[in-house]
Amino acid sequence: MSLLFITGTSTDVGKTIVTAALAATARAAGASVAVCKPAQTGVAPGEPGDLAVIERLGGVTRTVELARYPDPLAPDTAARRCGQPLLTLAETAAAIESCADADLTLVEGAGGLLVRMGEFTMLELAQKMSAPVLLVAHPGLGTLNHSELTTRALQSAGVRCAGIVLGSWPDQPDLASECNRTDLPAHTGVDIVGTVPAGAGSWDPARFGAAAPNWFTRTWAAAHLHPGAGR
């Protein structure tokens, strides 16, 4: 099984749309894809969450969600507020391993790298699974600090950063965004391997699926998203 974890520099940076684009790109190359979202917050039972977006845009039919909580908070806080038990590292790892027959399993976190998914952080889960982590970053002001903090945390923990994706690139980028596109690799030591246009989450699935493979560098996609990648 090839694993790729997706985290963000913060919340609302485009992780779900990037995950859908990764899935669509892998599927276009002939790979079977599973997606795990361990904890979903801010969504009531029965309501469509992030996995529904990924299913619609990425064409994925195999998804795993372990817990959802109604309050739009960090998963551990949201779990305590509604009286649900915290997710454990062991049960979450087991759920990911249950997707071992897929060519590629994508695991989308909640918020940033050190947000607690339950009794553990996304960083600790990536360590346990020996999985690389793809960082989704906002292109604008502040992203240099957030991105370097995240990549340093990954490096310190011995977890490979698979690259940086700009999760919502504006139609008319401002000066900060244009400069950050150049400065991010220099500051973090990590390449920008993809750029997703702002508003892509509202596209119809056919348009999204056709365009998504063009958002990632070809060599990176071949190494991480094609059948047999990482094996």
C-alpha atoms as a PDB file:
ATOM      1  CA  MET A   1       0.000   0.000   0.000  1.00  0.00           C
ATOM      2  CA  SER A   2       1.245   3.468  -0.911  1.00  0.00           C
ATOM      3  CA  LEU A   3       0.329   6.094   1.683  1.00  0.00           C
ATOM      4  CA  LEU A   4       0.187   9.857   1.458  1.00  0.00           C
ATOM      5  CA  PHE A   5      -0.925  12.070   4.336  1.00  0.00           C
ATOM      6  CA  ILE A   6      -2.329  15.532   3.657  1.00  0.00           C
ATOM      7  CA  THR A   7      -2.006  18.278   6.244  1.00  0.00           C
ATOM      8  CA  GLY A   8      -2.248  22.047   6.109  1.00  0.00           C
ATOM      9  CA  THR A   9      -0.484  25.075   7.475  1.00  0.00           C
ATOM     10  CA  SER A  10      -3.828  25.857   9.138  1.00  0.00           C
ATOM     11  CA  THR A  11      -7.528  25.323   8.586  1.00  0.00           C
ATOM     12  CA  ASP A  12      -9.304  26.461   5.403  1.00  0.00           C
ATOM     13  CA  VAL A  13      -6.227  26.255   3.180  1.00  0.00           C
ATOM     14  CA  GLY A  14      -7.763  23.801   0.701  1.00  0.00           C
ATOM     15  CA  LYS A  15      -6.838  20.356   2.061  1.00  0.00           C
ATOM     16  CA  THR A  16     -10.082  18.691   1.000  1.00  0.00           C
ATOM     17  CA  ILE A  17      -9.990  20.038  -2.552  1.00  0.00           C
ATOM     18  CA  VAL A  18      -6.323  19.100  -2.837  1.00  0.00           C
ATOM     19  CA  THR A  19      -7.142  15.588  -1.594  1.00  0.00           C
ATOM     20  CA  ALA A  20      -9.888  15.323  -4.216  1.00  0.00           C
ATOM     21  CA  ALA A  21      -7.436  16.502  -6.884  1.00  0.00           C
ATOM     22  CA  LEU A  22      -4.854  13.933  -5.777  1.00  0.00           C
ATOM     23  CA  ALA A  23      -7.471  11.209  -5.971  1.00  0.00           C
ATOM     24  CA  ALA A  24      -8.631  12.318  -9.419  1.00  0.00           C
ATOM     25  CA  THR A  25      -5.042  12.432 -10.667  1.00  0.00           C
ATOM     26  CA  ALA A  26      -4.239   8.977  -9.335  1.00  0.00           C
ATOM     27  CA  ARG A  27      -7.430   7.508 -10.767  1.00  0.00           C
ATOM     28  CA  ALA A  28      -6.687   9.080 -14.158  1.00  0.00           C
ATOM     29  CA  ALA A  29      -3.381   7.177 -14.097  1.00  0.00           C
ATOM     30  CA  GLY A  30      -5.192   3.915 -13.401  1.00  0.00           C
ATOM     31  CA  ALA A  31      -4.615   3.662  -9.653  1.00  0.00           C
ATOM     32  CA  SER A  32      -7.225   2.452  -7.194  1.00  0.00           C
ATOM     33  CA  VAL A  33      -7.682   5.010  -4.418  1.00  0.00           C
ATOM     34  CA  ALA A  34      -9.013   4.942  -0.865  1.00  0.00           C
ATOM     35  CA  VAL A  35      -9.390   8.046   1.295  1.00  0.00           C
ATOM     36  CA  CYS A  36      -9.440   8.153   5.093  1.00  0.00           C
ATOM     37  CA  LYS A  37     -10.630  11.173   7.076  1.00  0.00           C
ATOM     38  CA  PRO A  38     -10.161  10.042  10.688  1.00  0.00           C
ATOM     39  CA  ALA A  39     -12.159  12.845  12.296  1.00  0.00           C
ATOM     40  CA  GLN A  40     -14.690  15.265  10.840  1.00  0.00           C
ATOM     41  CA  THR A  41     -15.850  18.248  12.871  1.00  0.00           C
ATOM     42  CA  GLY A  42     -18.579  20.820  12.384  1.00  0.00           C
ATOM     43  CA  VAL A  43     -20.885  18.338  10.658  1.00  0.00           C
ATOM     44  CA  ALA A  44     -23.981  16.707  12.103  1.00  0.00           C
ATOM     45  CA  PRO A  45     -24.827  13.011  11.660  1.00  0.00           C
ATOM     46  CA  GLY A  46     -26.181  12.355   8.179  1.00  0.00           C
ATOM     47  CA  GLU A  47     -24.853  15.603   6.706  1.00  0.00           C
ATOM     48  CA  PRO A  48     -22.317  15.462   3.862  1.00  0.00           C
ATOM     49  CA  GLY A  49     -18.779  16.162   5.043  1.00  0.00           C
ATOM     50  CA  ASP A  50     -15.356  16.408   3.452  1.00  0.00           C
ATOM     51  CA  LEU A  51     -15.461  12.828   2.196  1.00  0.00           C
ATOM     52  CA  ALA A  52     -18.614  13.605   0.231  1.00  0.00           C
ATOM     53  CA  VAL A  53     -16.725  16.400  -1.532  1.00  0.00           C
ATOM     54  CA  ILE A  54     -13.842  14.043  -2.305  1.00  0.00           C
ATOM     55  CA  GLU A  55     -16.216  11.366  -3.574  1.00  0.00           C
ATOM     56  CA  ARG A  56     -17.986  13.852  -5.863  1.00  0.00           C
ATOM     57  CA  LEU A  57     -14.931  15.602  -7.292  1.00  0.00           C
ATOM     58  CA  GLY A  58     -12.306  12.876  -7.059  1.00  0.00           C
ATOM     59  CA  GLY A  59     -14.514   9.971  -8.108  1.00  0.00           C
ATOM     60  CA  VAL A  60     -13.498   7.929  -5.064  1.00  0.00           C
ATOM     61  CA  THR A  61     -15.944   5.289  -3.852  1.00  0.00           C
ATOM     62  CA  ARG A  62     -13.910   3.855  -0.989  1.00  0.00           C
ATOM     63  CA  THR A  63     -13.772   6.214   1.970  1.00  0.00           C
ATOM     64  CA  VAL A  64     -13.337   5.790   5.716  1.00  0.00           C
ATOM     65  CA  GLU A  65     -14.472   8.162   8.458  1.00  0.00           C
ATOM     66  CA  LEU A  66     -13.984   7.093  12.064  1.00  0.00           C
ATOM     67  CA  ALA A  67     -15.662   9.897  13.985  1.00  0.00           C
ATOM     68  CA  ARG A  68     -17.600  13.088  13.483  1.00  0.00           C
ATOM     69  CA  TYR A  69     -18.479  15.795  15.950  1.00  0.00           C
ATOM     70  CA  PRO A  70     -21.004  18.635  15.622  1.00  0.00           C
ATOM     71  CA  ASP A  71     -18.879  21.517  16.929  1.00  0.00           C
ATOM     72  CA  PRO A  72     -16.427  23.119  14.453  1.00  0.00           C
ATOM     73  CA  LEU A  73     -13.443  22.701  16.768  1.00  0.00           C
ATOM     74  CA  ALA A  74     -10.282  20.642  17.012  1.00  0.00           C
ATOM     75  CA  PRO A  75     -11.342  16.957  17.068  1.00  0.00           C
ATOM     76  CA  ASP A  76     -10.224  16.255  20.634  1.00  0.00           C
ATOM     77  CA  THR A  77     -12.043  19.314  21.984  1.00  0.00           C
ATOM     78  CA  ALA A  78     -15.145  18.561  19.899  1.00  0.00           C
ATOM     79  CA  ALA A  79     -15.180  14.958  21.122  1.00  0.00           C
ATOM     80  CA  ARG A  80     -15.021  15.974  24.776  1.00  0.00           C
ATOM     81  CA  ARG A  81     -17.781  18.544  24.330  1.00  0.00           C
ATOM     82  CA  CYS A  82     -20.227  15.967  22.960  1.00  0.00           C
ATOM     83  CA  GLY A  83     -19.166  13.192  25.311  1.00  0.00           C
ATOM     84  CA  GLN A  84     -17.636  10.908  22.704  1.00  0.00           C
ATOM     85  CA  PRO A  85     -14.429   8.949  23.339  1.00  0.00           C
ATOM     86  CA  LEU A  86     -11.233  10.249  21.778  1.00  0.00           C
ATOM     87  CA  LEU A  87      -9.892   8.414  18.765  1.00  0.00           C
ATOM     88  CA  THR A  88      -6.869   6.283  19.570  1.00  0.00           C
ATOM     89  CA  LEU A  89      -3.733   5.932  17.523  1.00  0.00           C
ATOM     90  CA  ALA A  90      -4.148   2.166  17.288  1.00  0.00           C
ATOM     91  CA  GLU A  91      -7.717   2.195  15.949  1.00  0.00           C
ATOM     92  CA  THR A  92      -6.905   4.906  13.436  1.00  0.00           C
ATOM     93  CA  ALA A  93      -3.835   3.052  12.167  1.00  0.00           C
ATOM     94  CA  ALA A  94      -5.918  -0.112  11.863  1.00  0.00           C
ATOM     95  CA  ALA A  95      -8.530   1.714   9.786  1.00  0.00           C
ATOM     96  CA  ILE A  96      -5.852   2.970   7.409  1.00  0.00           C
ATOM     97  CA  GLU A  97      -4.329  -0.495   7.152  1.00  0.00           C
ATOM     98  CA  SER A  98      -7.742  -1.893   6.213  1.00  0.00           C
ATOM     99  CA  CYS A  99      -7.314  -0.044   2.899  1.00  0.00           C
ATOM    100  CA  ALA A 100      -4.088  -1.903   2.106  1.00  0.00           C
ATOM    101  CA  ASP A 101      -5.487  -3.429  -1.078  1.00  0.00           C
ATOM    102  CA  ALA A 102      -5.835   0.019  -2.692  1.00  0.00           C
ATOM    103  CA  ASP A 103      -2.919   1.230  -4.801  1.00  0.00           C
ATOM    104  CA  LEU A 104      -2.978   4.543  -2.944  1.00  0.00           C
ATOM    105  CA  THR A 105      -4.493   5.558   0.373  1.00  0.00           C
ATOM    106  CA  LEU A 106      -4.838   9.259   1.081  1.00  0.00           C
ATOM    107  CA  VAL A 107      -5.254  10.367   4.699  1.00  0.00           C
ATOM    108  CA  GLU A 108      -6.596  13.885   5.259  1.00  0.00           C
ATOM    109  CA  GLY A 109      -6.052  15.512   8.617  1.00  0.00           C
ATOM    110  CA  ALA A 110      -7.965  18.241  10.414  1.00  0.00           C
ATOM    111  CA  GLY A 111      -6.444  21.698  10.619  1.00  0.00           C
ATOM    112  CA  GLY A 112      -2.670  21.668  10.919  1.00  0.00           C
ATOM    113  CA  LEU A 113      -0.013  19.100  11.670  1.00  0.00           C
ATOM    114  CA  LEU A 114      -0.157  19.356  15.467  1.00  0.00           C
ATOM    115  CA  VAL A 115      -3.936  19.556  15.871  1.00  0.00           C
ATOM    116  CA  ARG A 116      -5.021  16.648  18.047  1.00  0.00           C
ATOM    117  CA  MET A 117      -7.092  14.144  16.097  1.00  0.00           C
ATOM    118  CA  GLY A 118      -7.943  12.384  19.373  1.00  0.00           C
ATOM    119  CA  GLU A 119      -5.273  11.018  21.669  1.00  0.00           C
ATOM    120  CA  PHE A 120      -2.684  11.820  18.986  1.00  0.00           C
ATOM    121  CA  THR A 121      -1.652  14.379  16.403  1.00  0.00           C
ATOM    122  CA  MET A 122      -1.415  13.993  12.655  1.00  0.00           C
ATOM    123  CA  LEU A 123       2.349  14.049  13.077  1.00  0.00           C
ATOM    124  CA  GLU A 124       2.257  11.092  15.468  1.00  0.00           C
ATOM    125  CA  LEU A 125      -0.012   9.178  13.099  1.00  0.00           C
ATOM    126  CA  ALA A 126       2.366   9.790  10.193  1.00  0.00           C
ATOM    127  CA  GLN A 127       5.262   8.593  12.342  1.00  0.00           C
ATOM    128  CA  LYS A 128       3.437   5.393  13.257  1.00  0.00           C
ATOM    129  CA  MET A 129       2.500   4.665   9.645  1.00  0.00           C
ATOM    130  CA  SER A 130       5.920   5.690   8.256  1.00  0.00           C
ATOM    131  CA  ALA A 131       4.045   7.864   5.772  1.00  0.00           C
ATOM    132  CA  PRO A 132       5.182  10.977   3.904  1.00  0.00           C
ATOM    133  CA  VAL A 133       3.189  14.151   4.470  1.00  0.00           C
ATOM    134  CA  LEU A 134       2.088  16.585   1.772  1.00  0.00           C
ATOM    135  CA  LEU A 135       1.706  20.142   3.031  1.00  0.00           C
ATOM    136  CA  VAL A 136      -1.125  22.313   1.724  1.00  0.00           C
ATOM    137  CA  ALA A 137      -0.279  25.987   2.145  1.00  0.00           C
ATOM    138  CA  HIS A 138      -2.087  29.275   1.708  1.00  0.00           C
ATOM    139  CA  PRO A 139      -0.294  31.383  -0.901  1.00  0.00           C
ATOM    140  CA  GLY A 140      -0.675  34.736   0.841  1.00  0.00           C
ATOM    141  CA  LEU A 141       0.882  36.746   3.627  1.00  0.00           C
ATOM    142  CA  GLY A 142       1.924  34.678   6.653  1.00  0.00           C
ATOM    143  CA  THR A 143       2.470  31.445   4.805  1.00  0.00           C
ATOM    144  CA  LEU A 144       6.269  31.558   5.009  1.00  0.00           C
ATOM    145  CA  ASN A 145       6.193  31.365   8.802  1.00  0.00           C
ATOM    146  CA  HIS A 146       3.426  28.744   8.963  1.00  0.00           C
ATOM    147  CA  SER A 147       5.030  26.589   6.284  1.00  0.00           C
ATOM    148  CA  GLU A 148       8.518  26.683   7.753  1.00  0.00           C
ATOM    149  CA  LEU A 149       7.202  25.857  11.239  1.00  0.00           C
ATOM    150  CA  THR A 150       5.397  22.831   9.795  1.00  0.00           C
ATOM    151  CA  THR A 151       8.285  21.567   7.702  1.00  0.00           C
ATOM    152  CA  ARG A 152      10.672  21.969  10.630  1.00  0.00           C
ATOM    153  CA  ALA A 153       8.315  19.942  12.835  1.00  0.00           C
ATOM    154  CA  LEU A 154       8.226  17.189  10.209  1.00  0.00           C
ATOM    155  CA  GLN A 155      11.985  17.177   9.853  1.00  0.00           C
ATOM    156  CA  SER A 156      12.523  17.066  13.621  1.00  0.00           C
ATOM    157  CA  ALA A 157      10.179  14.088  13.872  1.00  0.00           C
ATOM    158  CA  GLY A 158      11.904  12.225  11.058  1.00  0.00           C
ATOM    159  CA  VAL A 159       8.842  12.399   8.791  1.00  0.00           C
ATOM    160  CA  ARG A 160       9.419  13.149   5.113  1.00  0.00           C
ATOM    161  CA  CYS A 161       7.629  16.127   3.637  1.00  0.00           C
ATOM    162  CA  ALA A 162       6.486  15.012   0.190  1.00  0.00           C
ATOM    163  CA  GLY A 163       6.100  18.554  -1.098  1.00  0.00           C
ATOM    164  CA  ILE A 164       4.049  21.721  -0.821  1.00  0.00           C
ATOM    165  CA  VAL A 165       0.815  22.396  -2.686  1.00  0.00           C
ATOM    166  CA  LEU A 166      -0.686  25.864  -2.899  1.00  0.00           C
ATOM    167  CA  GLY A 167      -4.268  25.000  -2.086  1.00  0.00           C
ATOM    168  CA  SER A 168      -6.088  28.017  -3.522  1.00  0.00           C
ATOM    169  CA  TRP A 169      -4.164  30.039  -6.079  1.00  0.00           C
ATOM    170  CA  PRO A 170      -6.081  33.256  -6.908  1.00  0.00           C
ATOM    171  CA  ASP A 171      -6.947  34.360 -10.423  1.00  0.00           C
ATOM    172  CA  GLN A 172      -5.164  37.635  -9.699  1.00  0.00           C
ATOM    173  CA  PRO A 173      -2.415  36.910  -7.168  1.00  0.00           C
ATOM    174  CA  ASP A 174      -1.142  39.795  -5.088  1.00  0.00           C
ATOM    175  CA  LEU A 175       2.505  40.693  -4.571  1.00  0.00           C
ATOM    176  CA  ALA A 176       2.846  38.557  -1.448  1.00  0.00           C
ATOM    177  CA  SER A 177       1.518  35.472  -3.224  1.00  0.00           C
ATOM    178  CA  GLU A 178       3.807  35.930  -6.196  1.00  0.00           C
ATOM    179  CA  CYS A 179       6.842  36.378  -3.927  1.00  0.00           C
ATOM    180  CA  ASN A 180       5.841  33.458  -1.703  1.00  0.00           C
ATOM    181  CA  ARG A 181       5.735  31.142  -4.671  1.00  0.00           C
ATOM    182  CA  THR A 182       9.443  31.818  -5.102  1.00  0.00           C
ATOM    183  CA  ASP A 183      10.375  32.069  -1.430  1.00  0.00           C
ATOM    184  CA  LEU A 184       8.582  29.007  -0.033  1.00  0.00           C
ATOM    185  CA  PRO A 185      11.022  26.428  -1.464  1.00  0.00           C
ATOM    186  CA  ALA A 186      14.003  28.561  -0.405  1.00  0.00           C
ATOM    187  CA  HIS A 187      12.722  28.977   3.166  1.00  0.00           C
ATOM    188  CA  THR A 188      11.507  25.413   3.726  1.00  0.00           C
ATOM    189  CA  GLY A 189      13.820  23.366   1.538  1.00  0.00           C
ATOM    190  CA  VAL A 190      10.697  21.710   0.082  1.00  0.00           C
ATOM    191  CA  ASP A 191       9.527  22.017  -3.527  1.00  0.00           C
ATOM    192  CA  ILE A 192       6.140  23.326  -4.544  1.00  0.00           C
ATOM    193  CA  VAL A 193       4.712  20.309  -6.369  1.00  0.00           C
ATOM    194  CA  GLY A 194       1.225  21.550  -7.141  1.00  0.00           C
ATOM    195  CA  THR A 195      -1.041  24.563  -7.423  1.00  0.00           C
ATOM    196  CA  VAL A 196      -4.839  24.324  -7.259  1.00  0.00           C
ATOM    197  CA  PRO A 197      -6.827  27.245  -8.681  1.00  0.00           C
ATOM    198  CA  ALA A 198      -9.135  29.112  -6.331  1.00  0.00           C
ATOM    199  CA  GLY A 199     -12.764  28.102  -6.740  1.00  0.00           C
ATOM    200  CA  ALA A 200     -12.009  24.653  -8.172  1.00  0.00           C
ATOM    201  CA  GLY A 201     -14.162  23.054  -5.488  1.00  0.00           C
ATOM    202  CA  SER A 202     -17.258  24.516  -7.156  1.00  0.00           C
ATOM    203  CA  TRP A 203     -16.489  22.983 -10.550  1.00  0.00           C
ATOM    204  CA  ASP A 204     -18.506  20.101 -11.918  1.00  0.00           C
ATOM    205  CA  PRO A 205     -16.809  16.702 -11.492  1.00  0.00           C
ATOM    206  CA  ALA A 206     -16.025  16.224 -15.192  1.00  0.00           C
ATOM    207  CA  ARG A 207     -14.203  19.538 -15.461  1.00  0.00           C
ATOM    208  CA  PHE A 208     -12.429  18.982 -12.142  1.00  0.00           C
ATOM    209  CA  GLY A 209     -11.298  15.461 -13.035  1.00  0.00           C
ATOM    210  CA  ALA A 210      -9.988  16.522 -16.423  1.00  0.00           C
ATOM    211  CA  ALA A 211      -8.040  19.472 -15.032  1.00  0.00           C
ATOM    212  CA  ALA A 212      -6.643  18.004 -11.803  1.00  0.00           C
ATOM    213  CA  PRO A 213      -3.702  16.056 -13.328  1.00  0.00           C
ATOM    214  CA  ASN A 214      -2.377  19.345 -14.711  1.00  0.00           C
ATOM    215  CA  TRP A 215      -2.137  20.896 -11.231  1.00  0.00           C
ATOM    216  CA  PHE A 216       0.761  18.706 -10.072  1.00  0.00           C
ATOM    217  CA  THR A 217       4.233  18.402 -11.525  1.00  0.00           C
ATOM    218  CA  ARG A 218       4.443  15.315 -13.719  1.00  0.00           C
ATOM    219  CA  THR A 219       7.517  13.802 -12.135  1.00  0.00           C
ATOM    220  CA  TRP A 220       6.089  14.225  -8.638  1.00  0.00           C
ATOM    221  CA  ALA A 221       2.733  12.716  -9.623  1.00  0.00           C
ATOM    222  CA  ALA A 222       4.452   9.769 -11.276  1.00  0.00           C
ATOM    223  CA  ALA A 223       6.448   9.113  -8.104  1.00  0.00           C
ATOM    224  CA  HIS A 224       3.558   9.447  -5.641  1.00  0.00           C
ATOM    225  CA  LEU A 225       0.210   8.917  -7.361  1.00  0.00           C
ATOM    226  CA  HIS A 226       0.617   6.348 -10.112  1.00  0.00           C
ATOM    227  CA  PRO A 227      -0.059   2.621  -9.623  1.00  0.00           C
ATOM    228  CA  GLY A 228       2.789   1.007  -7.707  1.00  0.00           C
ATOM    229  CA  ALA A 229       4.206   4.360  -6.570  1.00  0.00           C
ATOM    230  CA  GLY A 230       6.040   4.087  -3.280  1.00  0.00           C
ATOM    231  CA  ARG A 231       6.261   0.285  -3.398  1.00  0.00           C
END
